Amino acid sequence: MTNSLYEENEVFGGWFNHWRKVRVKKIEDVLGQDWFKGKKILELGAGFGNVGLYFKSLGADVTMTDARSKCLEAILKKDKDANVILLDQDNKWELPEQYDLIIHFGLSYNLNNWKQDLISTINHSRLYVAFETAVNKFYQDICFQIRNYNPHHEFHGPANGIGSLPSVTSIEKVLSQYEYTRYDDEDLNINNLIYTNTFFREFKFPRDEHGNVILEPYCIDGWDNPFVSGGRKFWILKKERYEQ
């Protein structure tokens, strides 16, 4: 892998270098490094663009988006010819084309409208989606709302102040609307710092004085809240039906 995956700074450097390397290697293991030449790739929530610029170095036609204009400015300082789009994914979004591969890493838990965004992502994919996010540890269809999160830098955390921590079941419920081949074997979700296989538990829904389930938003202060965190999960999906 080229040095474009690595960056030593206080924002997207340090351990993020390993974060990028592990995820990019998994995509390459599935698709093969020669696959990317001439392919159209969309990287959503690109940050400083290291992943997208790496795939561009392999010959891909890459478009990178972020909700923060300063991130896009940082990308253009690295590559003045980079194709960047300012995109707030908490609003319903649509781009004028489809992509052979869409990369969606470490982003969903920074969105309030994560379901709407995931559907838009899949609909913009012609072939592959690489989707990675934090999840909660419960097996029911439940999502926690992230509020009062204090990231260590302004470029981290929800751009609009509210994030989401869904369960694997909640995510799978969205994915079940589509026909696809999955690449999410054990090696994509191994027990280490990056991916975990937490034992998923039953959530005890709070009830009112009459025994009725209280369906108010369940709020937490971060995706890694120890009371609800179920680690991170990684899906690579190949859509079964697409136009040539």
Protein backbone atom coordinates (compact mmCIF):
# COMPACT_ATOMS: atom_id res chain seq x y z
CA MET A 1 0.00 0.00 0.00
CA THR A 2 1.23 3.48 -0.77
CA ASN A 3 2.03 6.09 1.83
CA SER A 4 -1.19 7.93 0.98
CA LEU A 5 -2.93 5.72 3.56
CA TYR A 6 -0.76 7.19 6.31
CA GLU A 7 -0.81 10.63 7.85
CA GLU A 8 0.86 11.88 10.99
CA ASN A 9 -1.31 14.60 12.49
CA GLU A 10 -3.62 15.07 15.45
CA VAL A 11 -6.83 14.80 13.41
CA PHE A 12 -6.81 11.75 11.11
CA GLY A 13 -3.35 10.37 11.84
CA GLY A 14 -2.02 8.07 14.54
CA TRP A 15 -4.14 4.98 15.07
CA PHE A 16 -6.34 6.05 12.14
CA ASN A 17 -3.50 4.85 9.91
CA HIS A 18 -4.06 1.30 11.13
CA TRP A 19 -7.83 1.85 10.91
CA ARG A 20 -7.50 2.68 7.21
CA LYS A 21 -4.98 -0.05 6.42
CA VAL A 22 -7.10 -2.89 7.85
CA ARG A 23 -10.28 -1.83 6.04
CA VAL A 24 -8.59 -1.13 2.71
CA LYS A 25 -6.77 -4.46 2.83
CA LYS A 26 -10.09 -6.25 3.35
CA ILE A 27 -11.60 -4.59 0.29
CA GLU A 28 -8.53 -5.53 -1.75
CA ASP A 29 -8.71 -9.12 -0.50
CA VAL A 30 -12.30 -9.37 -1.75
CA LEU A 31 -11.96 -7.52 -5.06
CA GLY A 32 -8.28 -7.89 -5.94
CA GLN A 33 -5.96 -4.92 -6.37
CA ASP A 34 -6.25 -4.93 -10.17
CA TRP A 35 -10.03 -4.49 -10.00
CA PHE A 36 -9.93 -0.74 -9.26
CA LYS A 37 -8.42 0.57 -12.49
CA GLY A 38 -11.06 2.55 -14.38
CA LYS A 39 -13.76 1.95 -11.76
CA LYS A 40 -15.95 4.76 -10.40
CA ILE A 41 -15.68 4.99 -6.61
CA LEU A 42 -17.53 7.19 -4.14
CA GLU A 43 -16.06 7.68 -0.67
CA LEU A 44 -18.62 9.18 1.71
CA GLY A 45 -17.43 11.09 4.76
CA ALA A 46 -13.91 11.09 3.35
CA GLY A 47 -12.28 13.20 6.06
CA PHE A 48 -8.83 14.10 4.74
CA GLY A 49 -9.26 11.75 1.78
CA ASN A 50 -6.53 9.20 2.45
CA VAL A 51 -8.61 6.18 1.44
CA GLY A 52 -10.05 7.79 -1.68
CA LEU A 53 -6.66 9.11 -2.81
CA TYR A 54 -5.17 5.66 -2.34
CA PHE A 55 -7.73 4.08 -4.65
CA LYS A 56 -7.19 6.94 -7.09
CA SER A 57 -3.51 5.94 -7.14
CA LEU A 58 -4.66 2.49 -8.31
CA GLY A 59 -6.35 4.06 -11.33
CA ALA A 60 -9.89 4.52 -10.04
CA ASP A 61 -12.07 7.54 -10.79
CA VAL A 62 -12.79 8.65 -7.23
CA THR A 63 -15.30 11.16 -5.85
CA MET A 64 -14.93 12.14 -2.19
CA THR A 65 -17.57 13.84 -0.03
CA ASP A 66 -17.71 15.31 3.44
CA ALA A 67 -20.08 17.51 5.42
CA ARG A 68 -17.20 19.75 6.50
CA SER A 69 -15.76 22.11 3.90
CA LYS A 70 -12.43 22.28 5.73
CA CYS A 71 -11.96 18.55 5.16
CA LEU A 72 -12.49 19.01 1.43
CA GLU A 73 -9.99 21.89 1.47
CA ALA A 74 -7.45 19.54 3.08
CA ILE A 75 -8.03 16.97 0.32
CA LEU A 76 -7.52 19.59 -2.40
CA LYS A 77 -4.25 20.66 -0.81
CA LYS A 78 -3.01 17.10 -1.31
CA ASP A 79 -4.43 16.74 -4.81
CA LYS A 80 -5.67 19.86 -6.58
CA ASP A 81 -7.40 17.69 -9.17
CA ALA A 82 -9.37 15.64 -6.64
CA ASN A 83 -13.12 15.40 -7.25
CA VAL A 84 -14.82 16.55 -4.03
CA ILE A 85 -18.43 17.31 -3.09
CA LEU A 86 -19.76 19.04 0.02
CA LEU A 87 -22.50 16.66 1.18
CA ASP A 88 -24.53 16.64 4.40
CA GLN A 89 -25.81 13.07 4.64
CA ASP A 90 -28.22 13.85 7.44
CA ASN A 91 -30.36 15.48 4.75
CA LYS A 92 -31.88 13.43 1.94
CA TRP A 93 -29.24 13.38 -0.75
CA GLU A 94 -28.95 12.40 -4.40
CA LEU A 95 -26.03 12.45 -6.82
CA PRO A 96 -26.36 12.35 -10.63
CA GLU A 97 -24.66 8.98 -11.14
CA GLN A 98 -24.05 5.51 -9.73
CA TYR A 99 -20.73 4.07 -8.63
CA ASP A 100 -19.02 0.69 -8.94
CA LEU A 101 -17.99 0.87 -5.28
CA ILE A 102 -19.19 3.09 -2.44
CA ILE A 103 -17.02 3.32 0.68
CA HIS A 104 -18.92 4.19 3.86
CA PHE A 105 -16.53 3.93 6.82
CA GLY A 106 -16.96 5.20 10.38
CA LEU A 107 -19.76 7.52 9.35
CA SER A 108 -23.20 6.08 10.11
CA TYR A 109 -22.94 6.58 13.88
CA ASN A 110 -22.36 10.30 13.23
CA LEU A 111 -25.76 10.64 11.55
CA ASN A 112 -29.22 11.14 12.99
CA ASN A 113 -30.96 9.89 9.83
CA TRP A 114 -28.73 6.84 9.38
CA LYS A 115 -31.43 4.63 7.78
CA GLN A 116 -32.28 7.19 5.11
CA ASP A 117 -28.57 7.61 4.40
CA LEU A 118 -27.89 3.86 4.13
CA ILE A 119 -30.76 3.45 1.66
CA SER A 120 -29.41 6.35 -0.44
CA THR A 121 -25.96 4.79 -0.34
CA ILE A 122 -27.13 1.41 -1.60
CA ASN A 123 -29.29 3.03 -4.29
CA HIS A 124 -26.25 4.93 -5.61
CA SER A 125 -24.20 1.75 -5.89
CA ARG A 126 -24.03 -0.06 -9.21
CA LEU A 127 -22.17 -3.00 -7.76
CA TYR A 128 -20.39 -2.90 -4.37
CA VAL A 129 -20.87 -1.21 -0.98
CA ALA A 130 -18.26 -1.38 1.78
CA PHE A 131 -20.08 -0.37 4.96
CA GLU A 132 -18.48 -0.14 8.40
CA THR A 133 -20.00 1.29 11.56
CA ALA A 134 -20.25 1.03 15.31
CA VAL A 135 -23.22 -0.94 16.64
CA ASN A 136 -24.91 -1.46 19.99
CA LYS A 137 -24.73 -4.79 21.82
CA PHE A 138 -28.41 -5.71 21.71
CA TYR A 139 -30.01 -8.15 19.28
CA GLN A 140 -33.39 -6.41 19.07
CA ASP A 141 -34.26 -3.81 16.45
CA ILE A 142 -33.23 -0.82 18.55
CA CYS A 143 -31.19 2.34 18.03
CA PHE A 144 -29.67 4.68 20.60
CA GLN A 145 -29.39 8.40 19.91
CA ILE A 146 -25.97 9.93 20.53
CA ARG A 147 -26.12 13.35 22.20
CA ASN A 148 -23.70 15.48 24.20
CA TYR A 149 -20.77 13.77 22.52
CA ASN A 150 -17.45 15.53 23.08
CA PRO A 151 -14.96 14.40 20.44
CA HIS A 152 -11.34 15.43 20.85
CA HIS A 153 -11.36 17.39 17.60
CA GLU A 154 -13.88 19.49 15.67
CA PHE A 155 -13.65 17.18 12.64
CA HIS A 156 -14.75 14.14 14.65
CA GLY A 157 -18.26 13.33 15.77
CA PRO A 158 -21.67 14.26 14.31
CA ALA A 159 -21.50 17.34 12.09
CA ASN A 160 -25.05 18.25 13.15
CA GLY A 161 -24.74 17.30 16.80
CA ILE A 162 -26.77 14.05 16.83
CA GLY A 163 -25.56 10.55 16.02
CA SER A 164 -27.01 7.03 16.13
CA LEU A 165 -25.93 3.65 17.46
CA PRO A 166 -28.14 1.00 15.82
CA SER A 167 -28.13 -2.72 16.47
CA VAL A 168 -26.91 -5.23 13.89
CA THR A 169 -30.57 -6.29 13.59
CA SER A 170 -31.59 -2.72 12.72
CA ILE A 171 -28.95 -2.54 10.00
CA GLU A 172 -29.83 -5.96 8.62
CA LYS A 173 -33.47 -4.88 8.44
CA VAL A 174 -32.47 -2.19 5.94
CA LEU A 175 -30.16 -4.50 4.01
CA SER A 176 -32.88 -7.16 3.70
CA GLN A 177 -34.69 -4.91 1.21
CA TYR A 178 -31.98 -5.63 -1.38
CA GLU A 179 -30.56 -8.65 -3.16
CA TYR A 180 -26.84 -8.96 -2.61
CA THR A 181 -23.95 -11.28 -1.92
CA ARG A 182 -22.35 -10.73 1.48
CA TYR A 183 -18.68 -10.80 2.36
CA ASP A 184 -18.83 -10.56 6.14
CA ASP A 185 -17.20 -13.75 7.32
CA GLU A 186 -15.41 -14.02 10.65
CA ASP A 187 -12.25 -12.41 9.28
CA LEU A 188 -14.12 -9.16 8.63
CA ASN A 189 -15.30 -8.98 12.24
CA ILE A 190 -12.47 -10.49 14.28
CA ASN A 191 -11.96 -9.92 17.98
CA ASN A 192 -9.47 -7.07 18.13
CA LEU A 193 -9.35 -3.31 18.53
CA ILE A 194 -11.01 -2.74 15.17
CA TYR A 195 -13.77 -5.35 14.96
CA THR A 196 -15.45 -7.14 17.85
CA ASN A 197 -17.87 -10.02 18.24
CA THR A 198 -19.52 -8.98 21.46
CA PHE A 199 -22.11 -11.39 22.80
CA PHE A 200 -25.33 -9.63 21.86
CA ARG A 201 -27.79 -9.28 24.70
CA GLU A 202 -31.44 -8.60 25.28
CA PHE A 203 -32.35 -4.98 25.90
CA LYS A 204 -34.67 -4.46 28.85
CA PHE A 205 -37.08 -1.86 27.52
CA PRO A 206 -38.16 0.61 30.23
CA ARG A 207 -41.86 0.56 31.06
CA ASP A 208 -44.26 3.07 32.54
CA GLU A 209 -46.42 2.55 35.64
CA HIS A 210 -48.96 0.66 33.51
CA GLY A 211 -46.43 -1.76 32.10
CA ASN A 212 -46.31 -0.16 28.65
CA VAL A 213 -42.98 0.06 26.87
CA ILE A 214 -41.57 3.59 26.85
CA LEU A 215 -40.52 4.39 23.30
CA GLU A 216 -38.79 7.71 23.92
CA PRO A 217 -35.36 8.02 22.28
CA TYR A 218 -32.75 6.24 24.35
CA CYS A 219 -29.85 8.68 24.57
CA ILE A 220 -26.16 7.97 25.16
CA ASP A 221 -23.07 10.17 25.11
CA GLY A 222 -20.98 8.34 22.50
CA TRP A 223 -20.77 5.32 20.18
CA ASP A 224 -18.29 3.70 22.58
CA ASN A 225 -20.48 4.10 25.67
CA PRO A 226 -19.55 0.97 27.70
CA PHE A 227 -23.14 0.24 28.71
CA VAL A 228 -24.40 -0.19 25.14
CA SER A 229 -21.39 -0.53 22.80
CA GLY A 230 -21.30 -3.71 20.73
CA GLY A 231 -18.08 -2.89 18.88
CA ARG A 232 -17.76 -2.22 15.16
CA LYS A 233 -19.06 -4.27 12.24
CA PHE A 234 -18.03 -4.43 8.61
CA TRP A 235 -20.11 -5.53 5.63
CA ILE A 236 -19.02 -5.77 2.00
CA LEU A 237 -22.04 -6.20 -0.26
CA LYS A 238 -22.22 -7.08 -3.94
CA LYS A 239 -25.55 -6.14 -5.49
CA GLU A 240 -27.06 -8.98 -7.49
CA ARG A 241 -29.12 -6.92 -9.91
CA TYR A 242 -27.56 -4.01 -11.74
CA GLU A 243 -27.44 -2.58 -15.23
CA GLN A 244 -24.34 -3.23 -17.32
